[in-house]
């Protein structure tokens, strides 16, 4: 009897992606946000605006979410800490209120 490896629908593997982030929730939000950015980039190509960041990996995948997962696996993007952004915004609001 031979051992058989099963192909999954997602490449890279989820386990490999989870090593790059804190949790499954972080992975989903990071990939979804980046997929939206990639989709916007492809949609604005005809307009010549060029203000969106292009995909950071060369991929044969056509779906923005698949490209986003490949970028995460290649360590091309990472999640910024949300708490740092909230604290910075609170500090800026406090500075504006005192001025």
PDB file of N, CA and C in Angstrom:
ATOM      1  N   UNK A   1       0.847  -1.179   0.000  1.00  0.00           N
ATOM      2  CA  UNK A   1       0.000   0.000   0.000  1.00  0.00           C
ATOM      3  C   UNK A   1       0.891   1.241   0.000  1.00  0.00           C
ATOM      4  N   UNK A   2       0.625   2.127  -0.878  1.00  0.00           N
ATOM      5  CA  UNK A   2       1.466   3.318  -1.002  1.00  0.00           C
ATOM      6  C   UNK A   2       0.853   4.491  -0.258  1.00  0.00           C
ATOM      7  N   UNK A   3       1.736   5.339   0.212  1.00  0.00           N
ATOM      8  CA  UNK A   3       1.245   6.556   0.841  1.00  0.00           C
ATOM      9  C   UNK A   3       0.908   7.558  -0.249  1.00  0.00           C
ATOM     10  N   UNK A   4      -0.165   8.205  -0.027  1.00  0.00           N
ATOM     11  CA  UNK A   4      -0.644   9.139  -1.032  1.00  0.00           C
ATOM     12  C   UNK A   4      -0.771  10.524  -0.413  1.00  0.00           C
ATOM     13  N   UNK A   5      -0.185  11.482  -1.066  1.00  0.00           N
ATOM     14  CA  UNK A   5      -0.335  12.848  -0.565  1.00  0.00           C
ATOM     15  C   UNK A   5      -1.525  13.482  -1.271  1.00  0.00           C
ATOM     16  N   UNK A   6      -2.305  14.182  -0.509  1.00  0.00           N
ATOM     17  CA  UNK A   6      -3.502  14.792  -1.056  1.00  0.00           C
ATOM     18  C   UNK A   6      -3.215  16.237  -1.436  1.00  0.00           C
ATOM     19  N   UNK A   7      -3.631  16.581  -2.614  1.00  0.00           N
ATOM     20  CA  UNK A   7      -3.508  17.968  -3.047  1.00  0.00           C
ATOM     21  C   UNK A   7      -4.671  18.745  -2.462  1.00  0.00           C
ATOM     22  N   UNK A   8      -4.346  19.904  -1.976  1.00  0.00           N
ATOM     23  CA  UNK A   8      -5.405  20.769  -1.466  1.00  0.00           C
ATOM     24  C   UNK A   8      -5.662  21.863  -2.496  1.00  0.00           C
ATOM     25  N   UNK A   9      -6.726  22.569  -2.304  1.00  0.00           N
ATOM     26  CA  UNK A   9      -7.081  23.621  -3.246  1.00  0.00           C
ATOM     27  C   UNK A   9      -6.208  24.852  -3.060  1.00  0.00           C
ATOM     28  N   UNK A  10      -5.608  24.989  -1.912  1.00  0.00           N
ATOM     29  CA  UNK A  10      -4.827  26.182  -1.643  1.00  0.00           C
ATOM     30  C   UNK A  10      -3.339  25.859  -1.685  1.00  0.00           C
ATOM     31  N   UNK A  11      -2.646  26.654  -2.412  1.00  0.00           N
ATOM     32  CA  UNK A  11      -1.203  26.543  -2.469  1.00  0.00           C
ATOM     33  C   UNK A  11      -0.671  27.958  -2.332  1.00  0.00           C
ATOM     34  N   UNK A  12       0.079  28.268  -1.354  1.00  0.00           N
ATOM     35  CA  UNK A  12       0.780  27.466  -0.360  1.00  0.00           C
ATOM     36  C   UNK A  12      -0.152  26.920   0.721  1.00  0.00           C
ATOM     37  N   UNK A  13       0.338  25.937   1.428  1.00  0.00           N
ATOM     38  CA  UNK A  13      -0.442  25.259   2.450  1.00  0.00           C
ATOM     39  C   UNK A  13      -0.800  26.216   3.597  1.00  0.00           C
ATOM     40  N   UNK A  14      -1.949  25.991   4.200  1.00  0.00           N
ATOM     41  CA  UNK A  14      -2.419  26.824   5.316  1.00  0.00           C
ATOM     42  C   UNK A  14      -1.416  26.806   6.470  1.00  0.00           C
ATOM     43  N   UNK A  15      -0.843  25.657   6.761  1.00  0.00           N
ATOM     44  CA  UNK A  15       0.104  25.552   7.861  1.00  0.00           C
ATOM     45  C   UNK A  15       1.305  26.467   7.647  1.00  0.00           C
ATOM     46  N   UNK A  16       1.768  26.549   6.395  1.00  0.00           N
ATOM     47  CA  UNK A  16       2.891  27.426   6.081  1.00  0.00           C
ATOM     48  C   UNK A  16       2.505  28.885   6.272  1.00  0.00           C
ATOM     49  N   UNK A  17       1.291  29.227   5.906  1.00  0.00           N
ATOM     50  CA  UNK A  17       0.822  30.602   6.056  1.00  0.00           C
ATOM     51  C   UNK A  17       0.612  30.977   7.518  1.00  0.00           C
ATOM     52  N   UNK A  18       0.130  30.034   8.316  1.00  0.00           N
ATOM     53  CA  UNK A  18      -0.120  30.314   9.733  1.00  0.00           C
ATOM     54  C   UNK A  18       1.175  30.565  10.502  1.00  0.00           C
ATOM     55  N   UNK A  19       2.298  30.079   9.985  1.00  0.00           N
ATOM     56  CA  UNK A  19       3.580  30.354  10.621  1.00  0.00           C
ATOM     57  C   UNK A  19       3.976  31.825  10.487  1.00  0.00           C
ATOM     58  N   UNK A  20       3.375  32.524   9.550  1.00  0.00           N
ATOM     59  CA  UNK A  20       3.727  33.911   9.270  1.00  0.00           C
ATOM     60  C   UNK A  20       2.879  34.928  10.048  1.00  0.00           C
ATOM     61  N   UNK A  21       1.763  34.489  10.629  1.00  0.00           N
ATOM     62  CA  UNK A  21       0.846  35.404  11.317  1.00  0.00           C
ATOM     63  C   UNK A  21       0.498  34.868  12.700  1.00  0.00           C
ATOM     64  N   UNK A  22      -0.252  35.673  13.457  1.00  0.00           N
ATOM     65  CA  UNK A  22      -0.614  35.306  14.825  1.00  0.00           C
ATOM     66  C   UNK A  22      -1.704  34.248  14.888  1.00  0.00           C
ATOM     67  N   UNK A  23      -2.708  34.379  14.029  1.00  0.00           N
ATOM     68  CA  UNK A  23      -3.881  33.515  14.118  1.00  0.00           C
ATOM     69  C   UNK A  23      -4.533  33.368  12.751  1.00  0.00           C
ATOM     70  N   UNK A  24      -5.521  32.513  12.695  1.00  0.00           N
ATOM     71  CA  UNK A  24      -6.282  32.337  11.457  1.00  0.00           C
ATOM     72  C   UNK A  24      -7.007  33.628  11.096  1.00  0.00           C
ATOM     73  N   UNK A  25      -7.512  34.317  12.101  1.00  0.00           N
ATOM     74  CA  UNK A  25      -8.206  35.586  11.851  1.00  0.00           C
ATOM     75  C   UNK A  25      -7.265  36.602  11.218  1.00  0.00           C
ATOM     76  N   UNK A  26      -6.050  36.686  11.734  1.00  0.00           N
ATOM     77  CA  UNK A  26      -5.068  37.612  11.165  1.00  0.00           C
ATOM     78  C   UNK A  26      -4.750  37.250   9.725  1.00  0.00           C
ATOM     79  N   UNK A  27      -4.639  35.959   9.453  1.00  0.00           N
ATOM     80  CA  UNK A  27      -4.361  35.506   8.093  1.00  0.00           C
ATOM     81  C   UNK A  27      -5.488  35.901   7.143  1.00  0.00           C
ATOM     82  N   UNK A  28      -6.719  35.689   7.574  1.00  0.00           N
ATOM     83  CA  UNK A  28      -7.872  36.000   6.731  1.00  0.00           C
ATOM     84  C   UNK A  28      -7.954  37.504   6.467  1.00  0.00           C
ATOM     85  N   UNK A  29      -7.808  38.313   7.487  1.00  0.00           N
ATOM     86  CA  UNK A  29      -7.924  39.758   7.300  1.00  0.00           C
ATOM     87  C   UNK A  29      -6.775  40.308   6.456  1.00  0.00           C
ATOM     88  N   UNK A  30      -5.563  39.820   6.688  1.00  0.00           N
ATOM     89  CA  UNK A  30      -4.415  40.271   5.905  1.00  0.00           C
ATOM     90  C   UNK A  30      -4.568  39.888   4.439  1.00  0.00           C
ATOM     91  N   UNK A  31      -4.941  38.641   4.185  1.00  0.00           N
ATOM     92  CA  UNK A  31      -5.089  38.177   2.803  1.00  0.00           C
ATOM     93  C   UNK A  31      -6.245  38.897   2.100  1.00  0.00           C
ATOM     94  N   UNK A  32      -7.348  39.101   2.793  1.00  0.00           N
ATOM     95  CA  UNK A  32      -8.494  39.778   2.184  1.00  0.00           C
ATOM     96  C   UNK A  32      -8.166  41.230   1.860  1.00  0.00           C
ATOM     97  N   UNK A  33      -7.496  41.908   2.778  1.00  0.00           N
ATOM     98  CA  UNK A  33      -7.140  43.305   2.545  1.00  0.00           C
ATOM     99  C   UNK A  33      -6.172  43.426   1.357  1.00  0.00           C
ATOM    100  N   UNK A  34      -5.174  42.534   1.316  1.00  0.00           N
ATOM    101  CA  UNK A  34      -4.209  42.586   0.223  1.00  0.00           C
ATOM    102  C   UNK A  34      -4.864  42.194  -1.113  1.00  0.00           C
ATOM    103  N   UNK A  35      -5.783  41.231  -1.081  1.00  0.00           N
ATOM    104  CA  UNK A  35      -6.485  40.823  -2.304  1.00  0.00           C
ATOM    105  C   UNK A  35      -7.300  41.991  -2.857  1.00  0.00           C
ATOM    106  N   UNK A  36      -7.912  42.785  -1.984  1.00  0.00           N
ATOM    107  CA  UNK A  36      -8.655  43.961  -2.441  1.00  0.00           C
ATOM    108  C   UNK A  36      -7.714  44.977  -3.090  1.00  0.00           C
ATOM    109  N   UNK A  37      -6.530  45.149  -2.496  1.00  0.00           N
ATOM    110  CA  UNK A  37      -5.549  46.065  -3.080  1.00  0.00           C
ATOM    111  C   UNK A  37      -5.087  45.587  -4.449  1.00  0.00           C
ATOM    112  N   UNK A  38      -4.827  44.282  -4.580  1.00  0.00           N
ATOM    113  CA  UNK A  38      -4.396  43.715  -5.859  1.00  0.00           C
ATOM    114  C   UNK A  38      -5.509  43.868  -6.893  1.00  0.00           C
ATOM    115  N   UNK A  39      -6.742  43.614  -6.489  1.00  0.00           N
ATOM    116  CA  UNK A  39      -7.878  43.766  -7.395  1.00  0.00           C
ATOM    117  C   UNK A  39      -8.004  45.215  -7.855  1.00  0.00           C
ATOM    118  N   UNK A  40      -7.845  46.157  -6.959  1.00  0.00           N
ATOM    119  CA  UNK A  40      -7.898  47.576  -7.321  1.00  0.00           C
ATOM    120  C   UNK A  40      -6.766  47.935  -8.275  1.00  0.00           C
ATOM    121  N   UNK A  41      -5.598  47.363  -8.043  1.00  0.00           N
ATOM    122  CA  UNK A  41      -4.455  47.611  -8.934  1.00  0.00           C
ATOM    123  C   UNK A  41      -4.782  47.163 -10.355  1.00  0.00           C
ATOM    124  N   UNK A  42      -5.307  45.942 -10.502  1.00  0.00           N
ATOM    125  CA  UNK A  42      -5.632  45.443 -11.832  1.00  0.00           C
ATOM    126  C   UNK A  42      -6.763  46.241 -12.475  1.00  0.00           C
ATOM    127  N   UNK A  43      -7.701  46.712 -11.686  1.00  0.00           N
ATOM    128  CA  UNK A  43      -8.815  47.492 -12.224  1.00  0.00           C
ATOM    129  C   UNK A  43      -8.393  48.878 -12.687  1.00  0.00           C
ATOM    130  N   UNK A  44      -7.393  49.469 -12.054  1.00  0.00           N
ATOM    131  CA  UNK A  44      -6.978  50.815 -12.420  1.00  0.00           C
ATOM    132  C   UNK A  44      -5.866  50.838 -13.457  1.00  0.00           C
ATOM    133  N   UNK A  45      -5.412  49.683 -13.930  1.00  0.00           N
ATOM    134  CA  UNK A  45      -4.324  49.647 -14.910  1.00  0.00           C
ATOM    135  C   UNK A  45      -4.672  50.422 -16.178  1.00  0.00           C
ATOM    136  N   UNK A  46      -5.880  50.293 -16.663  1.00  0.00           N
ATOM    137  CA  UNK A  46      -6.279  50.994 -17.883  1.00  0.00           C
ATOM    138  C   UNK A  46      -6.366  52.493 -17.717  1.00  0.00           C
ATOM    139  N   UNK A  47      -6.564  52.958 -16.493  1.00  0.00           N
ATOM    140  CA  UNK A  47      -6.692  54.390 -16.239  1.00  0.00           C
ATOM    141  C   UNK A  47      -5.345  55.088 -16.194  1.00  0.00           C
ATOM    142  N   UNK A  48      -4.275  54.330 -16.002  1.00  0.00           N
ATOM    143  CA  UNK A  48      -2.942  54.899 -15.955  1.00  0.00           C
ATOM    144  C   UNK A  48      -2.646  55.672 -14.689  1.00  0.00           C
ATOM    145  N   UNK A  49      -3.383  55.396 -13.623  1.00  0.00           N
ATOM    146  CA  UNK A  49      -3.183  56.138 -12.382  1.00  0.00           C
ATOM    147  C   UNK A  49      -1.910  55.708 -11.667  1.00  0.00           C
ATOM    148  N   UNK A  50      -1.697  54.409 -11.532  1.00  0.00           N
ATOM    149  CA  UNK A  50      -0.455  53.883 -10.974  1.00  0.00           C
ATOM    150  C   UNK A  50      -0.206  54.170  -9.515  1.00  0.00           C
ATOM    151  N   UNK A  51      -1.239  54.381  -8.711  1.00  0.00           N
ATOM    152  CA  UNK A  51      -1.015  54.674  -7.301  1.00  0.00           C
ATOM    153  C   UNK A  51      -1.145  53.448  -6.403  1.00  0.00           C
ATOM    154  N   UNK A  52      -1.528  52.324  -6.962  1.00  0.00           N
ATOM    155  CA  UNK A  52      -1.653  51.091  -6.180  1.00  0.00           C
ATOM    156  C   UNK A  52      -0.371  50.274  -6.314  1.00  0.00           C
ATOM    157  N   UNK A  53      -0.056  49.499  -5.272  1.00  0.00           N
ATOM    158  CA  UNK A  53       1.132  48.658  -5.273  1.00  0.00           C
ATOM    159  C   UNK A  53       0.847  47.390  -6.069  1.00  0.00           C
ATOM    160  N   UNK A  54       1.686  47.073  -7.061  1.00  0.00           N
ATOM    161  CA  UNK A  54       1.452  45.872  -7.872  1.00  0.00           C
ATOM    162  C   UNK A  54       1.744  44.609  -7.071  1.00  0.00           C
ATOM    163  N   UNK A  55       1.344  43.464  -7.578  1.00  0.00           N
ATOM    164  CA  UNK A  55       1.681  42.202  -6.899  1.00  0.00           C
ATOM    165  C   UNK A  55       3.190  42.077  -6.718  1.00  0.00           C
ATOM    166  N   UNK A  56       3.605  41.579  -5.559  1.00  0.00           N
ATOM    167  CA  UNK A  56       5.014  41.517  -5.207  1.00  0.00           C
ATOM    168  C   UNK A  56       5.679  40.197  -5.560  1.00  0.00           C
ATOM    169  N   UNK A  57       4.928  39.252  -6.108  1.00  0.00           N
ATOM    170  CA  UNK A  57       5.471  37.967  -6.537  1.00  0.00           C
ATOM    171  C   UNK A  57       4.995  37.703  -7.955  1.00  0.00           C
ATOM    172  N   UNK A  58       5.815  36.977  -8.709  1.00  0.00           N
ATOM    173  CA  UNK A  58       5.330  36.557 -10.021  1.00  0.00           C
ATOM    174  C   UNK A  58       4.554  35.264  -9.813  1.00  0.00           C
ATOM    175  N   UNK A  59       3.355  35.236 -10.341  1.00  0.00           N
ATOM    176  CA  UNK A  59       2.454  34.130 -10.064  1.00  0.00           C
ATOM    177  C   UNK A  59       1.706  33.737 -11.326  1.00  0.00           C
ATOM    178  N   UNK A  60       1.386  32.464 -11.410  1.00  0.00           N
ATOM    179  CA  UNK A  60       0.533  32.006 -12.501  1.00  0.00           C
ATOM    180  C   UNK A  60      -0.931  32.067 -12.084  1.00  0.00           C
ATOM    181  N   UNK A  61      -1.180  32.362 -10.818  1.00  0.00           N
ATOM    182  CA  UNK A  61      -2.550  32.461 -10.314  1.00  0.00           C
ATOM    183  C   UNK A  61      -3.221  33.700 -10.903  1.00  0.00           C
ATOM    184  N   UNK A  62      -4.497  33.580 -11.147  1.00  0.00           N
ATOM    185  CA  UNK A  62      -5.247  34.707 -11.687  1.00  0.00           C
ATOM    186  C   UNK A  62      -6.104  35.379 -10.627  1.00  0.00           C
ATOM    187  N   UNK A  63      -6.339  34.718  -9.527  1.00  0.00           N
ATOM    188  CA  UNK A  63      -7.210  35.261  -8.485  1.00  0.00           C
ATOM    189  C   UNK A  63      -6.395  36.125  -7.512  1.00  0.00           C
ATOM    190  N   UNK A  64      -6.896  37.317  -7.168  1.00  0.00           N
ATOM    191  CA  UNK A  64      -6.179  38.187  -6.235  1.00  0.00           C
ATOM    192  C   UNK A  64      -5.913  37.540  -4.878  1.00  0.00           C
ATOM    193  N   UNK A  65      -6.836  36.723  -4.388  1.00  0.00           N
ATOM    194  CA  UNK A  65      -6.632  36.081  -3.098  1.00  0.00           C
ATOM    195  C   UNK A  65      -5.480  35.078  -3.157  1.00  0.00           C
ATOM    196  N   UNK A  66      -5.372  34.342  -4.237  1.00  0.00           N
ATOM    197  CA  UNK A  66      -4.268  33.395  -4.391  1.00  0.00           C
ATOM    198  C   UNK A  66      -2.931  34.129  -4.452  1.00  0.00           C
ATOM    199  N   UNK A  67      -2.910  35.250  -5.145  1.00  0.00           N
ATOM    200  CA  UNK A  67      -1.686  36.051  -5.216  1.00  0.00           C
ATOM    201  C   UNK A  67      -1.332  36.591  -3.832  1.00  0.00           C
ATOM    202  N   UNK A  68      -2.339  37.021  -3.084  1.00  0.00           N
ATOM    203  CA  UNK A  68      -2.104  37.530  -1.728  1.00  0.00           C
ATOM    204  C   UNK A  68      -1.520  36.439  -0.830  1.00  0.00           C
ATOM    205  N   UNK A  69      -2.055  35.217  -0.924  1.00  0.00           N
ATOM    206  CA  UNK A  69      -1.506  34.114  -0.137  1.00  0.00           C
ATOM    207  C   UNK A  69      -0.048  33.836  -0.520  1.00  0.00           C
ATOM    208  N   UNK A  70       0.267  33.913  -1.797  1.00  0.00           N
ATOM    209  CA  UNK A  70       1.644  33.691  -2.234  1.00  0.00           C
ATOM    210  C   UNK A  70       2.567  34.786  -1.709  1.00  0.00           C
ATOM    211  N   UNK A  71       2.082  36.024  -1.651  1.00  0.00           N
ATOM    212  CA  UNK A  71       2.879  37.113  -1.091  1.00  0.00           C
ATOM    213  C   UNK A  71       3.140  36.902   0.397  1.00  0.00           C
ATOM    214  N   UNK A  72       2.137  36.429   1.107  1.00  0.00           N
ATOM    215  CA  UNK A  72       2.311  36.164   2.542  1.00  0.00           C
ATOM    216  C   UNK A  72       3.334  35.055   2.741  1.00  0.00           C
ATOM    217  N   UNK A  73       3.243  33.995   1.941  1.00  0.00           N
ATOM    218  CA  UNK A  73       4.181  32.878   2.057  1.00  0.00           C
ATOM    219  C   UNK A  73       5.603  33.298   1.728  1.00  0.00           C
ATOM    220  N   UNK A  74       5.757  34.253   0.812  1.00  0.00           N
ATOM    221  CA  UNK A  74       7.084  34.720   0.417  1.00  0.00           C
ATOM    222  C   UNK A  74       7.601  35.841   1.320  1.00  0.00           C
ATOM    223  N   UNK A  75       6.878  36.165   2.390  1.00  0.00           N
ATOM    224  CA  UNK A  75       7.236  37.237   3.324  1.00  0.00           C
ATOM    225  C   UNK A  75       7.367  38.594   2.641  1.00  0.00           C
ATOM    226  N   UNK A  76       6.564  38.827   1.627  1.00  0.00           N
ATOM    227  CA  UNK A  76       6.580  40.118   0.939  1.00  0.00           C
ATOM    228  C   UNK A  76       5.680  41.131   1.626  1.00  0.00           C
ATOM    229  N   UNK A  77       4.673  40.652   2.351  1.00  0.00           N
ATOM    230  CA  UNK A  77       3.802  41.545   3.114  1.00  0.00           C
ATOM    231  C   UNK A  77       3.648  40.983   4.509  1.00  0.00           C
ATOM    232  N   UNK A  78       3.377  41.850   5.433  1.00  0.00           N
ATOM    233  CA  UNK A  78       3.136  41.419   6.808  1.00  0.00           C
ATOM    234  C   UNK A  78       2.111  42.335   7.438  1.00  0.00           C
ATOM    235  N   UNK A  79       1.509  41.867   8.489  1.00  0.00           N
ATOM    236  CA  UNK A  79       0.441  42.599   9.158  1.00  0.00           C
ATOM    237  C   UNK A  79       1.032  43.662  10.073  1.00  0.00           C
ATOM    238  N   UNK A  80       0.523  44.868   9.949  1.00  0.00           N
ATOM    239  CA  UNK A  80       0.915  45.948  10.843  1.00  0.00           C
ATOM    240  C   UNK A  80       0.036  45.863  12.079  1.00  0.00           C
ATOM    241  N   UNK A  81       0.598  46.161  13.217  1.00  0.00           N
ATOM    242  CA  UNK A  81      -0.148  46.088  14.467  1.00  0.00           C
ATOM    243  C   UNK A  81      -1.202  47.186  14.501  1.00  0.00           C
ATOM    244  N   UNK A  82      -2.460  46.784  14.637  1.00  0.00           N
ATOM    245  CA  UNK A  82      -3.578  47.726  14.657  1.00  0.00           C
ATOM    246  C   UNK A  82      -3.534  48.594  15.906  1.00  0.00           C
ATOM    247  N   UNK A  83      -3.117  48.046  17.016  1.00  0.00           N
ATOM    248  CA  UNK A  83      -3.087  48.808  18.272  1.00  0.00           C
ATOM    249  C   UNK A  83      -2.144  49.999  18.150  1.00  0.00           C
ATOM    250  N   UNK A  84      -1.041  49.846  17.427  1.00  0.00           N
ATOM    251  CA  UNK A  84      -0.112  50.961  17.245  1.00  0.00           C
ATOM    252  C   UNK A  84      -0.768  52.096  16.474  1.00  0.00           C
ATOM    253  N   UNK A  85      -1.550  51.756  15.459  1.00  0.00           N
ATOM    254  CA  UNK A  85      -2.222  52.785  14.671  1.00  0.00           C
ATOM    255  C   UNK A  85      -3.293  53.482  15.495  1.00  0.00           C
ATOM    256  N   UNK A  86      -4.012  52.751  16.328  1.00  0.00           N
ATOM    257  CA  UNK A  86      -5.057  53.349  17.160  1.00  0.00           C
ATOM    258  C   UNK A  86      -4.436  54.278  18.187  1.00  0.00           C
ATOM    259  N   UNK A  87      -3.338  53.872  18.815  1.00  0.00           N
ATOM    260  CA  UNK A  87      -2.663  54.719  19.790  1.00  0.00           C
ATOM    261  C   UNK A  87      -2.126  55.979  19.128  1.00  0.00           C
ATOM    262  N   UNK A  88      -1.570  55.851  17.932  1.00  0.00           N
ATOM    263  CA  UNK A  88      -1.049  57.021  17.228  1.00  0.00           C
ATOM    264  C   UNK A  88      -2.179  57.987  16.885  1.00  0.00           C
ATOM    265  N   UNK A  89      -3.317  57.474  16.486  1.00  0.00           N
ATOM    266  CA  UNK A  89      -4.465  58.326  16.175  1.00  0.00           C
ATOM    267  C   UNK A  89      -4.981  59.019  17.430  1.00  0.00           C
ATOM    268  N   UNK A  90      -5.013  58.305  18.557  1.00  0.00           N
ATOM    269  CA  UNK A  90      -5.444  58.901  19.816  1.00  0.00           C
ATOM    270  C   UNK A  90      -4.485  60.009  20.248  1.00  0.00           C
ATOM    271  N   UNK A  91      -3.185  59.790  20.075  1.00  0.00           N
ATOM    272  CA  UNK A  91      -2.193  60.808  20.422  1.00  0.00           C
ATOM    273  C   UNK A  91      -2.359  62.047  19.544  1.00  0.00           C
ATOM    274  N   UNK A  92      -2.624  61.834  18.263  1.00  0.00           N
ATOM    275  CA  UNK A  92      -2.817  62.963  17.353  1.00  0.00           C
ATOM    276  C   UNK A  92      -4.072  63.737  17.698  1.00  0.00           C
ATOM    277  N   UNK A  93      -5.141  63.037  18.071  1.00  0.00           N
ATOM    278  CA  UNK A  93      -6.387  63.697  18.477  1.00  0.00           C
ATOM    279  C   UNK A  93      -6.175  64.511  19.747  1.00  0.00           C
ATOM    280  N   UNK A  94      -5.410  63.957  20.696  1.00  0.00           N
ATOM    281  CA  UNK A  94      -5.146  64.654  21.939  1.00  0.00           C
ATOM    282  C   UNK A  94      -4.299  65.905  21.680  1.00  0.00           C
ATOM    283  N   UNK A  95      -3.356  65.828  20.774  1.00  0.00           N
ATOM    284  CA  UNK A  95      -2.527  66.969  20.440  1.00  0.00           C
ATOM    285  C   UNK A  95      -3.352  68.063  19.760  1.00  0.00           C
ATOM    286  N   UNK A  96      -4.289  67.657  18.901  1.00  0.00           N
ATOM    287  CA  UNK A  96      -5.152  68.635  18.220  1.00  0.00           C
ATOM    288  C   UNK A  96      -6.090  69.307  19.219  1.00  0.00           C
ATOM    289  N   UNK A  97      -6.550  68.570  20.213  1.00  0.00           N
ATOM    290  CA  UNK A  97      -7.491  69.116  21.198  1.00  0.00           C
ATOM    291  C   UNK A  97      -6.803  70.151  22.095  1.00  0.00           C
ATOM    292  N   UNK A  98      -5.514  69.963  22.359  1.00  0.00           N
ATOM    293  CA  UNK A  98      -4.798  70.917  23.216  1.00  0.00           C
ATOM    294  C   UNK A  98      -4.309  72.128  22.457  1.00  0.00           C
ATOM    295  N   UNK A  99      -4.238  72.048  21.159  1.00  0.00           N
ATOM    296  CA  UNK A  99      -3.711  73.165  20.359  1.00  0.00           C
ATOM    297  C   UNK A  99      -4.750  74.232  20.121  1.00  0.00           C
TER     298      UNK A  99
END
